[in-house]
Amino acid sequence: RDNAKNTVYLQMNSLKPEDTAVYYCAANKYGSASPRRYEY
């Protein structure tokens, strides 16, 4: 992430067919990295 630019990135390498999907970014007000959907 680059907070000065208000931007988050996802660099994806060695892509596989199973990576095919719609990708969504989400913001979590609690501020901690979390895998839980309900926290976003």
PDB file of all heavy atoms in Angstrom:
ATOM      1  N   ARG A   1       0.831  -1.200   0.000  1.00  0.00           N
ATOM      2  CA  ARG A   1       0.000   0.000   0.000  1.00  0.00           C
ATOM      3  C   ARG A   1       0.863   1.246   0.000  1.00  0.00           C
ATOM      4  O   ARG A   1       2.004   1.243   0.474  1.00  0.00           O
ATOM      5  CB  ARG A   1      -0.956   0.011   1.197  1.00  0.00           C
ATOM      6  CG  ARG A   1      -0.285   0.168   2.555  1.00  0.00           C
ATOM      7  CD  ARG A   1      -1.281  -0.052   3.690  1.00  0.00           C
ATOM      8  NE  ARG A   1      -2.355   0.935   3.671  1.00  0.00           N
ATOM      9  CZ  ARG A   1      -3.516   0.811   4.313  1.00  0.00           C
ATOM     10  NH1 ARG A   1      -3.751  -0.296   5.022  1.00  0.00           N
ATOM     11  NH2 ARG A   1      -4.431   1.768   4.244  1.00  0.00           N
ATOM     12  N   ASP A   2       0.300   2.300  -0.531  1.00  0.00           N
ATOM     13  CA  ASP A   2       0.930   3.603  -0.534  1.00  0.00           C
ATOM     14  C   ASP A   2      -0.114   4.566  -0.001  1.00  0.00           C
ATOM     15  O   ASP A   2      -0.989   5.021  -0.738  1.00  0.00           O
ATOM     16  CB  ASP A   2       1.382   3.990  -1.942  1.00  0.00           C
ATOM     17  CG  ASP A   2       2.162   5.288  -1.968  1.00  0.00           C
ATOM     18  OD1 ASP A   2       2.043   6.087  -1.024  1.00  0.00           O
ATOM     19  OD2 ASP A   2       2.900   5.507  -2.943  1.00  0.00           O
ATOM     20  N   ASN A   3      -0.033   4.853   1.280  1.00  0.00           N
ATOM     21  CA  ASN A   3      -1.052   5.685   1.909  1.00  0.00           C
ATOM     22  C   ASN A   3      -1.053   7.118   1.376  1.00  0.00           C
ATOM     23  O   ASN A   3      -2.092   7.779   1.376  1.00  0.00           O
ATOM     24  CB  ASN A   3      -0.868   5.686   3.429  1.00  0.00           C
ATOM     25  CG  ASN A   3      -1.266   4.368   4.061  1.00  0.00           C
ATOM     26  OD1 ASN A   3      -1.931   3.545   3.434  1.00  0.00           O
ATOM     27  ND2 ASN A   3      -0.858   4.156   5.300  1.00  0.00           N
ATOM     28  N   ALA A   4       0.098   7.592   0.937  1.00  0.00           N
ATOM     29  CA  ALA A   4       0.166   8.930   0.372  1.00  0.00           C
ATOM     30  C   ALA A   4      -0.652   9.022  -0.907  1.00  0.00           C
ATOM     31  O   ALA A   4      -1.137  10.098  -1.262  1.00  0.00           O
ATOM     32  CB  ALA A   4       1.611   9.325   0.105  1.00  0.00           C
ATOM     33  N   LYS A   5      -0.799   7.903  -1.599  1.00  0.00           N
ATOM     34  CA  LYS A   5      -1.576   7.858  -2.828  1.00  0.00           C
ATOM     35  C   LYS A   5      -2.954   7.243  -2.631  1.00  0.00           C
ATOM     36  O   LYS A   5      -3.702   7.097  -3.597  1.00  0.00           O
ATOM     37  CB  LYS A   5      -0.826   7.070  -3.899  1.00  0.00           C
ATOM     38  CG  LYS A   5       0.500   7.688  -4.316  1.00  0.00           C
ATOM     39  CD  LYS A   5       1.171   6.860  -5.405  1.00  0.00           C
ATOM     40  CE  LYS A   5       2.473   7.495  -5.840  1.00  0.00           C
ATOM     41  NZ  LYS A   5       3.146   6.684  -6.889  1.00  0.00           N
ATOM     42  N   ASN A   6      -3.268   6.875  -1.402  1.00  0.00           N
ATOM     43  CA  ASN A   6      -4.546   6.227  -1.099  1.00  0.00           C
ATOM     44  C   ASN A   6      -4.784   5.019  -2.002  1.00  0.00           C
ATOM     45  O   ASN A   6      -5.876   4.830  -2.543  1.00  0.00           O
ATOM     46  CB  ASN A   6      -5.702   7.220  -1.239  1.00  0.00           C
ATOM     47  CG  ASN A   6      -5.764   8.215  -0.100  1.00  0.00           C
ATOM     48  OD1 ASN A   6      -5.073   8.079   0.916  1.00  0.00           O
ATOM     49  ND2 ASN A   6      -6.610   9.220  -0.255  1.00  0.00           N
ATOM     50  N   THR A   7      -3.761   4.211  -2.140  1.00  0.00           N
ATOM     51  CA  THR A   7      -3.823   3.097  -3.073  1.00  0.00           C
ATOM     52  C   THR A   7      -3.229   1.831  -2.454  1.00  0.00           C
ATOM     53  O   THR A   7      -2.210   1.885  -1.768  1.00  0.00           O
ATOM     54  CB  THR A   7      -3.078   3.420  -4.374  1.00  0.00           C
ATOM     55  OG1 THR A   7      -3.646   4.600  -4.963  1.00  0.00           O
ATOM     56  CG2 THR A   7      -3.195   2.273  -5.369  1.00  0.00           C
ATOM     57  N   VAL A   8      -3.881   0.719  -2.703  1.00  0.00           N
ATOM     58  CA  VAL A   8      -3.368  -0.583  -2.313  1.00  0.00           C
ATOM     59  C   VAL A   8      -3.181  -1.405  -3.585  1.00  0.00           C
ATOM     60  O   VAL A   8      -3.942  -1.259  -4.549  1.00  0.00           O
ATOM     61  CB  VAL A   8      -4.310  -1.282  -1.307  1.00  0.00           C
ATOM     62  CG1 VAL A   8      -5.681  -1.547  -1.925  1.00  0.00           C
ATOM     63  CG2 VAL A   8      -3.689  -2.575  -0.796  1.00  0.00           C
ATOM     64  N   TYR A   9      -2.158  -2.255  -3.582  1.00  0.00           N
ATOM     65  CA  TYR A   9      -1.813  -3.031  -4.759  1.00  0.00           C
ATOM     66  C   TYR A   9      -1.814  -4.520  -4.452  1.00  0.00           C
ATOM     67  O   TYR A   9      -1.596  -4.946  -3.319  1.00  0.00           O
ATOM     68  CB  TYR A   9      -0.424  -2.652  -5.273  1.00  0.00           C
ATOM     69  CG  TYR A   9      -0.249  -1.186  -5.551  1.00  0.00           C
ATOM     70  CD1 TYR A   9       0.286  -0.333  -4.588  1.00  0.00           C
ATOM     71  CD2 TYR A   9      -0.615  -0.648  -6.784  1.00  0.00           C
ATOM     72  CE1 TYR A   9       0.449   1.017  -4.841  1.00  0.00           C
ATOM     73  CE2 TYR A   9      -0.454   0.704  -7.047  1.00  0.00           C
ATOM     74  CZ  TYR A   9       0.080   1.529  -6.073  1.00  0.00           C
ATOM     75  OH  TYR A   9       0.235   2.873  -6.330  1.00  0.00           O
ATOM     76  N   LEU A  10      -2.030  -5.294  -5.478  1.00  0.00           N
ATOM     77  CA  LEU A  10      -1.868  -6.734  -5.390  1.00  0.00           C
ATOM     78  C   LEU A  10      -1.041  -7.174  -6.588  1.00  0.00           C
ATOM     79  O   LEU A  10      -1.535  -7.179  -7.716  1.00  0.00           O
ATOM     80  CB  LEU A  10      -3.215  -7.456  -5.379  1.00  0.00           C
ATOM     81  CG  LEU A  10      -3.134  -8.977  -5.198  1.00  0.00           C
ATOM     82  CD1 LEU A  10      -2.635  -9.326  -3.795  1.00  0.00           C
ATOM     83  CD2 LEU A  10      -4.490  -9.632  -5.464  1.00  0.00           C
ATOM     84  N   GLN A  11       0.216  -7.506  -6.325  1.00  0.00           N
ATOM     85  CA  GLN A  11       1.092  -8.017  -7.364  1.00  0.00           C
ATOM     86  C   GLN A  11       0.909  -9.519  -7.442  1.00  0.00           C
ATOM     87  O   GLN A  11       1.129 -10.222  -6.456  1.00  0.00           O
ATOM     88  CB  GLN A  11       2.549  -7.671  -7.055  1.00  0.00           C
ATOM     89  CG  GLN A  11       3.547  -8.213  -8.073  1.00  0.00           C
ATOM     90  CD  GLN A  11       3.400  -7.568  -9.429  1.00  0.00           C
ATOM     91  OE1 GLN A  11       3.311  -6.349  -9.529  1.00  0.00           O
ATOM     92  NE2 GLN A  11       3.356  -8.385 -10.482  1.00  0.00           N
ATOM     93  N   MET A  12       0.535 -10.011  -8.597  1.00  0.00           N
ATOM     94  CA  MET A  12       0.253 -11.423  -8.784  1.00  0.00           C
ATOM     95  C   MET A  12       1.251 -12.003  -9.778  1.00  0.00           C
ATOM     96  O   MET A  12       1.301 -11.577 -10.934  1.00  0.00           O
ATOM     97  CB  MET A  12      -1.174 -11.631  -9.281  1.00  0.00           C
ATOM     98  CG  MET A  12      -2.230 -11.007  -8.374  1.00  0.00           C
ATOM     99  SD  MET A  12      -3.924 -11.356  -8.927  1.00  0.00           S
ATOM    100  CE  MET A  12      -3.947 -10.411 -10.457  1.00  0.00           C
ATOM    101  N   ASN A  13       2.034 -12.957  -9.312  1.00  0.00           N
ATOM    102  CA  ASN A  13       3.015 -13.626 -10.152  1.00  0.00           C
ATOM    103  C   ASN A  13       2.685 -15.110 -10.249  1.00  0.00           C
ATOM    104  O   ASN A  13       1.926 -15.651  -9.446  1.00  0.00           O
ATOM    105  CB  ASN A  13       4.421 -13.452  -9.580  1.00  0.00           C
ATOM    106  CG  ASN A  13       4.860 -12.009  -9.513  1.00  0.00           C
ATOM    107  OD1 ASN A  13       4.528 -11.204 -10.379  1.00  0.00           O
ATOM    108  ND2 ASN A  13       5.634 -11.670  -8.484  1.00  0.00           N
ATOM    109  N   SER A  14       3.283 -15.761 -11.220  1.00  0.00           N
ATOM    110  CA  SER A  14       3.082 -17.200 -11.418  1.00  0.00           C
ATOM    111  C   SER A  14       1.603 -17.558 -11.404  1.00  0.00           C
ATOM    112  O   SER A  14       1.171 -18.496 -10.732  1.00  0.00           O
ATOM    113  CB  SER A  14       3.835 -17.988 -10.339  1.00  0.00           C
ATOM    114  OG  SER A  14       5.217 -17.701 -10.366  1.00  0.00           O
ATOM    115  N   LEU A  15       0.833 -16.815 -12.156  1.00  0.00           N
ATOM    116  CA  LEU A  15      -0.609 -16.997 -12.152  1.00  0.00           C
ATOM    117  C   LEU A  15      -1.016 -18.367 -12.687  1.00  0.00           C
ATOM    118  O   LEU A  15      -0.384 -18.912 -13.597  1.00  0.00           O
ATOM    119  CB  LEU A  15      -1.279 -15.893 -12.966  1.00  0.00           C
ATOM    120  CG  LEU A  15      -1.359 -14.551 -12.242  1.00  0.00           C
ATOM    121  CD1 LEU A  15      -1.614 -13.426 -13.232  1.00  0.00           C
ATOM    122  CD2 LEU A  15      -2.450 -14.590 -11.179  1.00  0.00           C
ATOM    123  N   LYS A  16      -2.075 -18.883 -12.104  1.00  0.00           N
ATOM    124  CA  LYS A  16      -2.616 -20.182 -12.464  1.00  0.00           C
ATOM    125  C   LYS A  16      -4.060 -20.020 -12.925  1.00  0.00           C
ATOM    126  O   LYS A  16      -4.731 -19.069 -12.539  1.00  0.00           O
ATOM    127  CB  LYS A  16      -2.579 -21.130 -11.261  1.00  0.00           C
ATOM    128  CG  LYS A  16      -1.215 -21.307 -10.638  1.00  0.00           C
ATOM    129  CD  LYS A  16      -1.303 -22.150  -9.375  1.00  0.00           C
ATOM    130  CE  LYS A  16       0.051 -22.331  -8.731  1.00  0.00           C
ATOM    131  NZ  LYS A  16      -0.033 -23.133  -7.488  1.00  0.00           N
ATOM    132  N   PRO A  17      -4.562 -20.948 -13.729  1.00  0.00           N
ATOM    133  CA  PRO A  17      -5.964 -20.854 -14.157  1.00  0.00           C
ATOM    134  C   PRO A  17      -6.937 -20.757 -12.987  1.00  0.00           C
ATOM    135  O   PRO A  17      -7.966 -20.073 -13.100  1.00  0.00           O
ATOM    136  CB  PRO A  17      -6.170 -22.146 -14.950  1.00  0.00           C
ATOM    137  CG  PRO A  17      -4.826 -22.428 -15.516  1.00  0.00           C
ATOM    138  CD  PRO A  17      -3.862 -22.040 -14.417  1.00  0.00           C
ATOM    139  N   GLU A  18      -6.632 -21.407 -11.874  1.00  0.00           N
ATOM    140  CA  GLU A  18      -7.512 -21.349 -10.722  1.00  0.00           C
ATOM    141  C   GLU A  18      -7.528 -19.992 -10.033  1.00  0.00           C
ATOM    142  O   GLU A  18      -8.320 -19.771  -9.116  1.00  0.00           O
ATOM    143  CB  GLU A  18      -7.161 -22.442  -9.703  1.00  0.00           C
ATOM    144  CG  GLU A  18      -5.695 -22.477  -9.316  1.00  0.00           C
ATOM    145  CD  GLU A  18      -4.915 -23.525 -10.085  1.00  0.00           C
ATOM    146  OE1 GLU A  18      -5.094 -23.620 -11.322  1.00  0.00           O
ATOM    147  OE2 GLU A  18      -4.129 -24.260  -9.457  1.00  0.00           O
ATOM    148  N   ASP A  19      -6.661 -19.080 -10.455  1.00  0.00           N
ATOM    149  CA  ASP A  19      -6.698 -17.713  -9.947  1.00  0.00           C
ATOM    150  C   ASP A  19      -7.763 -16.877 -10.646  1.00  0.00           C
ATOM    151  O   ASP A  19      -8.006 -15.734 -10.244  1.00  0.00           O
ATOM    152  CB  ASP A  19      -5.340 -17.031 -10.121  1.00  0.00           C
ATOM    153  CG  ASP A  19      -4.252 -17.671  -9.278  1.00  0.00           C
ATOM    154  OD1 ASP A  19      -4.520 -18.020  -8.110  1.00  0.00           O
ATOM    155  OD2 ASP A  19      -3.121 -17.813  -9.792  1.00  0.00           O
ATOM    156  N   THR A  20      -8.362 -17.419 -11.683  1.00  0.00           N
ATOM    157  CA  THR A  20      -9.387 -16.696 -12.423  1.00  0.00           C
ATOM    158  C   THR A  20     -10.564 -16.365 -11.519  1.00  0.00           C
ATOM    159  O   THR A  20     -11.147 -17.253 -10.889  1.00  0.00           O
ATOM    160  CB  THR A  20      -9.867 -17.519 -13.623  1.00  0.00           C
ATOM    161  OG1 THR A  20      -8.794 -17.683 -14.550  1.00  0.00           O
ATOM    162  CG2 THR A  20     -11.026 -16.825 -14.330  1.00  0.00           C
ATOM    163  N   ALA A  21     -10.903 -15.089 -11.443  1.00  0.00           N
ATOM    164  CA  ALA A  21     -11.975 -14.638 -10.568  1.00  0.00           C
ATOM    165  C   ALA A  21     -12.137 -13.133 -10.725  1.00  0.00           C
ATOM    166  O   ALA A  21     -11.318 -12.467 -11.351  1.00  0.00           O
ATOM    167  CB  ALA A  21     -11.664 -14.969  -9.105  1.00  0.00           C
ATOM    168  N   VAL A  22     -13.198 -12.625 -10.136  1.00  0.00           N
ATOM    169  CA  VAL A  22     -13.323 -11.190  -9.953  1.00  0.00           C
ATOM    170  C   VAL A  22     -12.640 -10.854  -8.632  1.00  0.00           C
ATOM    171  O   VAL A  22     -12.943 -11.460  -7.606  1.00  0.00           O
ATOM    172  CB  VAL A  22     -14.794 -10.732  -9.926  1.00  0.00           C
ATOM    173  CG1 VAL A  22     -14.888  -9.249  -9.621  1.00  0.00           C
ATOM    174  CG2 VAL A  22     -15.463 -11.046 -11.262  1.00  0.00           C
ATOM    175  N   TYR A  23     -11.726  -9.907  -8.671  1.00  0.00           N
ATOM    176  CA  TYR A  23     -10.976  -9.527  -7.489  1.00  0.00           C
ATOM    177  C   TYR A  23     -11.520  -8.238  -6.903  1.00  0.00           C
ATOM    178  O   TYR A  23     -11.727  -7.254  -7.624  1.00  0.00           O
ATOM    179  CB  TYR A  23      -9.491  -9.362  -7.835  1.00  0.00           C
ATOM    180  CG  TYR A  23      -8.780 -10.679  -7.978  1.00  0.00           C
ATOM    181  CD1 TYR A  23      -9.047 -11.510  -9.059  1.00  0.00           C
ATOM    182  CD2 TYR A  23      -7.863 -11.105  -7.020  1.00  0.00           C
ATOM    183  CE1 TYR A  23      -8.413 -12.740  -9.186  1.00  0.00           C
ATOM    184  CE2 TYR A  23      -7.222 -12.329  -7.142  1.00  0.00           C
ATOM    185  CZ  TYR A  23      -7.503 -13.141  -8.220  1.00  0.00           C
ATOM    186  OH  TYR A  23      -6.866 -14.356  -8.343  1.00  0.00           O
ATOM    187  N   TYR A  24     -11.727  -8.249  -5.600  1.00  0.00           N
ATOM    188  CA  TYR A  24     -12.286  -7.114  -4.888  1.00  0.00           C
ATOM    189  C   TYR A  24     -11.318  -6.618  -3.831  1.00  0.00           C
ATOM    190  O   TYR A  24     -10.680  -7.413  -3.144  1.00  0.00           O
ATOM    191  CB  TYR A  24     -13.584  -7.504  -4.176  1.00  0.00           C
ATOM    192  CG  TYR A  24     -14.689  -7.991  -5.074  1.00  0.00           C
ATOM    193  CD1 TYR A  24     -14.782  -9.336  -5.425  1.00  0.00           C
ATOM    194  CD2 TYR A  24     -15.651  -7.115  -5.551  1.00  0.00           C
ATOM    195  CE1 TYR A  24     -15.809  -9.792  -6.238  1.00  0.00           C
ATOM    196  CE2 TYR A  24     -16.678  -7.559  -6.366  1.00  0.00           C
ATOM    197  CZ  TYR A  24     -16.750  -8.901  -6.702  1.00  0.00           C
ATOM    198  OH  TYR A  24     -17.773  -9.346  -7.510  1.00  0.00           O
ATOM    199  N   CYS A  25     -11.224  -5.324  -3.682  1.00  0.00           N
ATOM    200  CA  CYS A  25     -10.515  -4.783  -2.541  1.00  0.00           C
ATOM    201  C   CYS A  25     -11.531  -4.341  -1.503  1.00  0.00           C
ATOM    202  O   CYS A  25     -12.689  -4.056  -1.819  1.00  0.00           O
ATOM    203  CB  CYS A  25      -9.579  -3.625  -2.927  1.00  0.00           C
ATOM    204  SG  CYS A  25     -10.387  -2.143  -3.554  1.00  0.00           S
ATOM    205  N   ALA A  26     -11.106  -4.316  -0.257  1.00  0.00           N
ATOM    206  CA  ALA A  26     -11.993  -3.981   0.839  1.00  0.00           C
ATOM    207  C   ALA A  26     -11.223  -3.235   1.918  1.00  0.00           C
ATOM    208  O   ALA A  26     -10.016  -3.423   2.074  1.00  0.00           O
ATOM    209  CB  ALA A  26     -12.624  -5.252   1.420  1.00  0.00           C
ATOM    210  N   ALA A  27     -11.941  -2.405   2.664  1.00  0.00           N
ATOM    211  CA  ALA A  27     -11.347  -1.599   3.721  1.00  0.00           C
ATOM    212  C   ALA A  27     -11.900  -2.016   5.074  1.00  0.00           C
ATOM    213  O   ALA A  27     -13.107  -2.189   5.237  1.00  0.00           O
ATOM    214  CB  ALA A  27     -11.620  -0.120   3.473  1.00  0.00           C
ATOM    215  N   ASN A  28     -11.006  -2.143   6.033  1.00  0.00           N
ATOM    216  CA  ASN A  28     -11.320  -2.606   7.381  1.00  0.00           C
ATOM    217  C   ASN A  28     -10.972  -1.502   8.369  1.00  0.00           C
ATOM    218  O   ASN A  28      -9.796  -1.197   8.572  1.00  0.00           O
ATOM    219  CB  ASN A  28     -10.532  -3.887   7.664  1.00  0.00           C
ATOM    220  CG  ASN A  28     -10.602  -4.346   9.105  1.00  0.00           C
ATOM    221  OD1 ASN A  28     -11.339  -3.805   9.921  1.00  0.00           O
ATOM    222  ND2 ASN A  28      -9.821  -5.375   9.418  1.00  0.00           N
ATOM    223  N   LYS A  29     -11.972  -0.926   9.009  1.00  0.00           N
ATOM    224  CA  LYS A  29     -11.747   0.208   9.900  1.00  0.00           C
ATOM    225  C   LYS A  29     -10.976  -0.148  11.158  1.00  0.00           C
ATOM    226  O   LYS A  29     -10.440   0.740  11.823  1.00  0.00           O
ATOM    227  CB  LYS A  29     -13.074   0.866  10.282  1.00  0.00           C
ATOM    228  CG  LYS A  29     -13.979   0.004  11.148  1.00  0.00           C
ATOM    229  CD  LYS A  29     -15.281   0.732  11.451  1.00  0.00           C
ATOM    230  CE  LYS A  29     -16.197  -0.112  12.319  1.00  0.00           C
ATOM    231  NZ  LYS A  29     -17.488   0.584  12.573  1.00  0.00           N
ATOM    232  N   TYR A  30     -10.902  -1.426  11.503  1.00  0.00           N
ATOM    233  CA  TYR A  30     -10.179  -1.828  12.708  1.00  0.00           C
ATOM    234  C   TYR A  30      -8.677  -1.712  12.547  1.00  0.00           C
ATOM    235  O   TYR A  30      -7.942  -1.691  13.532  1.00  0.00           O
ATOM    236  CB  TYR A  30     -10.566  -3.249  13.112  1.00  0.00           C
ATOM    237  CG  TYR A  30     -12.001  -3.367  13.547  1.00  0.00           C
ATOM    238  CD1 TYR A  30     -12.958  -3.928  12.703  1.00  0.00           C
ATOM    239  CD2 TYR A  30     -12.408  -2.894  14.789  1.00  0.00           C
ATOM    240  CE1 TYR A  30     -14.279  -4.017  13.098  1.00  0.00           C
ATOM    241  CE2 TYR A  30     -13.731  -2.984  15.187  1.00  0.00           C
ATOM    242  CZ  TYR A  30     -14.664  -3.544  14.336  1.00  0.00           C
ATOM    243  OH  TYR A  30     -15.977  -3.629  14.732  1.00  0.00           O
ATOM    244  N   GLY A  31      -8.207  -1.672  11.325  1.00  0.00           N
ATOM    245  CA  GLY A  31      -6.808  -1.383  11.070  1.00  0.00           C
ATOM    246  C   GLY A  31      -5.855  -2.556  11.079  1.00  0.00           C
ATOM    247  O   GLY A  31      -4.680  -2.380  10.765  1.00  0.00           O
ATOM    248  N   SER A  32      -6.333  -3.738  11.416  1.00  0.00           N
ATOM    249  CA  SER A  32      -5.469  -4.903  11.453  1.00  0.00           C
ATOM    250  C   SER A  32      -5.755  -5.809  10.269  1.00  0.00           C
ATOM    251  O   SER A  32      -6.909  -5.961   9.863  1.00  0.00           O
ATOM    252  CB  SER A  32      -5.646  -5.669  12.760  1.00  0.00           C
ATOM    253  OG  SER A  32      -6.984  -6.091  12.930  1.00  0.00           O
ATOM    254  N   ALA A  33      -4.714  -6.403   9.731  1.00  0.00           N
ATOM    255  CA  ALA A  33      -4.874  -7.313   8.603  1.00  0.00           C
ATOM    256  C   ALA A  33      -5.701  -8.506   9.034  1.00  0.00           C
ATOM    257  O   ALA A  33      -5.398  -9.159  10.033  1.00  0.00           O
ATOM    258  CB  ALA A  33      -3.515  -7.761   8.093  1.00  0.00           C
ATOM    259  N   SER A  34      -6.734  -8.796   8.286  1.00  0.00           N
ATOM    260  CA  SER A  34      -7.664  -9.843   8.673  1.00  0.00           C
ATOM    261  C   SER A  34      -8.199 -10.583   7.459  1.00  0.00           C
ATOM    262  O   SER A  34      -8.470  -9.972   6.424  1.00  0.00           O
ATOM    263  CB  SER A  34      -8.837  -9.249   9.455  1.00  0.00           C
ATOM    264  OG  SER A  34      -9.837 -10.212   9.697  1.00  0.00           O
ATOM    265  N   PRO A  35      -8.371 -11.898   7.580  1.00  0.00           N
ATOM    266  CA  PRO A  35      -8.978 -12.668   6.497  1.00  0.00           C
ATOM    267  C   PRO A  35     -10.499 -12.759   6.613  1.00  0.00           C
ATOM    268  O   PRO A  35     -11.144 -13.380   5.774  1.00  0.00           O
ATOM    269  CB  PRO A  35      -8.353 -14.051   6.682  1.00  0.00           C
ATOM    270  CG  PRO A  35      -8.224 -14.163   8.168  1.00  0.00           C
ATOM    271  CD  PRO A  35      -7.871 -12.765   8.651  1.00  0.00           C
ATOM    272  N   ARG A  36     -11.078 -12.126   7.609  1.00  0.00           N
ATOM    273  CA  ARG A  36     -12.493 -12.258   7.895  1.00  0.00           C
ATOM    274  C   ARG A  36     -13.320 -11.228   7.135  1.00  0.00           C
ATOM    275  O   ARG A  36     -13.180 -10.024   7.318  1.00  0.00           O
ATOM    276  CB  ARG A  36     -12.739 -12.110   9.393  1.00  0.00           C
ATOM    277  CG  ARG A  36     -11.890 -13.049  10.237  1.00  0.00           C
ATOM    278  CD  ARG A  36     -12.118 -12.813  11.712  1.00  0.00           C
ATOM    279  NE  ARG A  36     -11.223 -13.618  12.531  1.00  0.00           N
ATOM    280  CZ  ARG A  36     -10.031 -13.223  12.930  1.00  0.00           C
ATOM    281  NH1 ARG A  36      -9.580 -12.020  12.597  1.00  0.00           N
ATOM    282  NH2 ARG A  36      -9.283 -14.021  13.663  1.00  0.00           N
ATOM    283  N   ARG A  37     -14.207 -11.720   6.299  1.00  0.00           N
ATOM    284  CA  ARG A  37     -15.036 -10.844   5.478  1.00  0.00           C
ATOM    285  C   ARG A  37     -15.857  -9.870   6.305  1.00  0.00           C
ATOM    286  O   ARG A  37     -16.026  -8.705   5.919  1.00  0.00           O
ATOM    287  CB  ARG A  37     -15.971 -11.663   4.594  1.00  0.00           C
ATOM    288  CG  ARG A  37     -15.292 -12.384   3.444  1.00  0.00           C
ATOM    289  CD  ARG A  37     -16.336 -12.982   2.530  1.00  0.00           C
ATOM    290  NE  ARG A  37     -17.184 -11.953   1.953  1.00  0.00           N
ATOM    291  CZ  ARG A  37     -18.319 -12.191   1.300  1.00  0.00           C
ATOM    292  NH1 ARG A  37     -18.732 -13.441   1.143  1.00  0.00           N
ATOM    293  NH2 ARG A  37     -19.025 -11.194   0.795  1.00  0.00           N
ATOM    294  N   TYR A  38     -16.368 -10.335   7.434  1.00  0.00           N
ATOM    295  CA  TYR A  38     -17.270  -9.499   8.221  1.00  0.00           C
ATOM    296  C   TYR A  38     -16.569  -8.316   8.879  1.00  0.00           C
ATOM    297  O   TYR A  38     -17.235  -7.410   9.374  1.00  0.00           O
ATOM    298  CB  TYR A  38     -18.000 -10.335   9.280  1.00  0.00           C
ATOM    299  CG  TYR A  38     -17.117 -10.957  10.342  1.00  0.00           C
ATOM    300  CD1 TYR A  38     -16.686 -10.222  11.441  1.00  0.00           C
ATOM    301  CD2 TYR A  38     -16.737 -12.295  10.259  1.00  0.00           C
ATOM    302  CE1 TYR A  38     -15.891 -10.800  12.420  1.00  0.00           C
ATOM    303  CE2 TYR A  38     -15.941 -12.874  11.233  1.00  0.00           C
ATOM    304  CZ  TYR A  38     -15.522 -12.123  12.310  1.00  0.00           C
ATOM    305  OH  TYR A  38     -14.737 -12.702  13.282  1.00  0.00           O
ATOM    306  N   GLU A  39     -15.263  -8.314   8.894  1.00  0.00           N
ATOM    307  CA  GLU A  39     -14.530  -7.196   9.476  1.00  0.00           C
ATOM    308  C   GLU A  39     -14.305  -6.054   8.487  1.00  0.00           C
ATOM    309  O   GLU A  39     -13.791  -5.007   8.869  1.00  0.00           O
ATOM    310  CB  GLU A  39     -13.191  -7.663  10.040  1.00  0.00           C
ATOM    311  CG  GLU A  39     -13.337  -8.564  11.261  1.00  0.00           C
ATOM    312  CD  GLU A  39     -12.019  -8.847  11.956  1.00  0.00           C
ATOM    313  OE1 GLU A  39     -10.975  -8.333  11.508  1.00  0.00           O
ATOM    314  OE2 GLU A  39     -12.034  -9.580  12.961  1.00  0.00           O
ATOM    315  N   TYR A  40     -14.694  -6.248   7.254  1.00  0.00           N
ATOM    316  CA  TYR A  40     -14.500  -5.218   6.240  1.00  0.00           C
ATOM    317  C   TYR A  40     -15.769  -4.409   6.046  1.00  0.00           C
ATOM    318  O   TYR A  40     -16.863  -4.960   5.903  1.00  0.00           O
ATOM    319  CB  TYR A  40     -14.028  -5.845   4.931  1.00  0.00           C
ATOM    320  CG  TYR A  40     -12.617  -6.351   5.054  1.00  0.00           C
ATOM    321  CD1 TYR A  40     -12.352  -7.604   5.585  1.00  0.00           C
ATOM    322  CD2 TYR A  40     -11.540  -5.543   4.683  1.00  0.00           C
ATOM    323  CE1 TYR A  40     -11.049  -8.048   5.743  1.00  0.00           C
ATOM    324  CE2 TYR A  40     -10.240  -5.988   4.836  1.00  0.00           C
ATOM    325  CZ  TYR A  40      -9.995  -7.235   5.367  1.00  0.00           C
ATOM    326  OH  TYR A  40      -8.706  -7.675   5.524  1.00  0.00           O
TER     327      TYR A  40
END
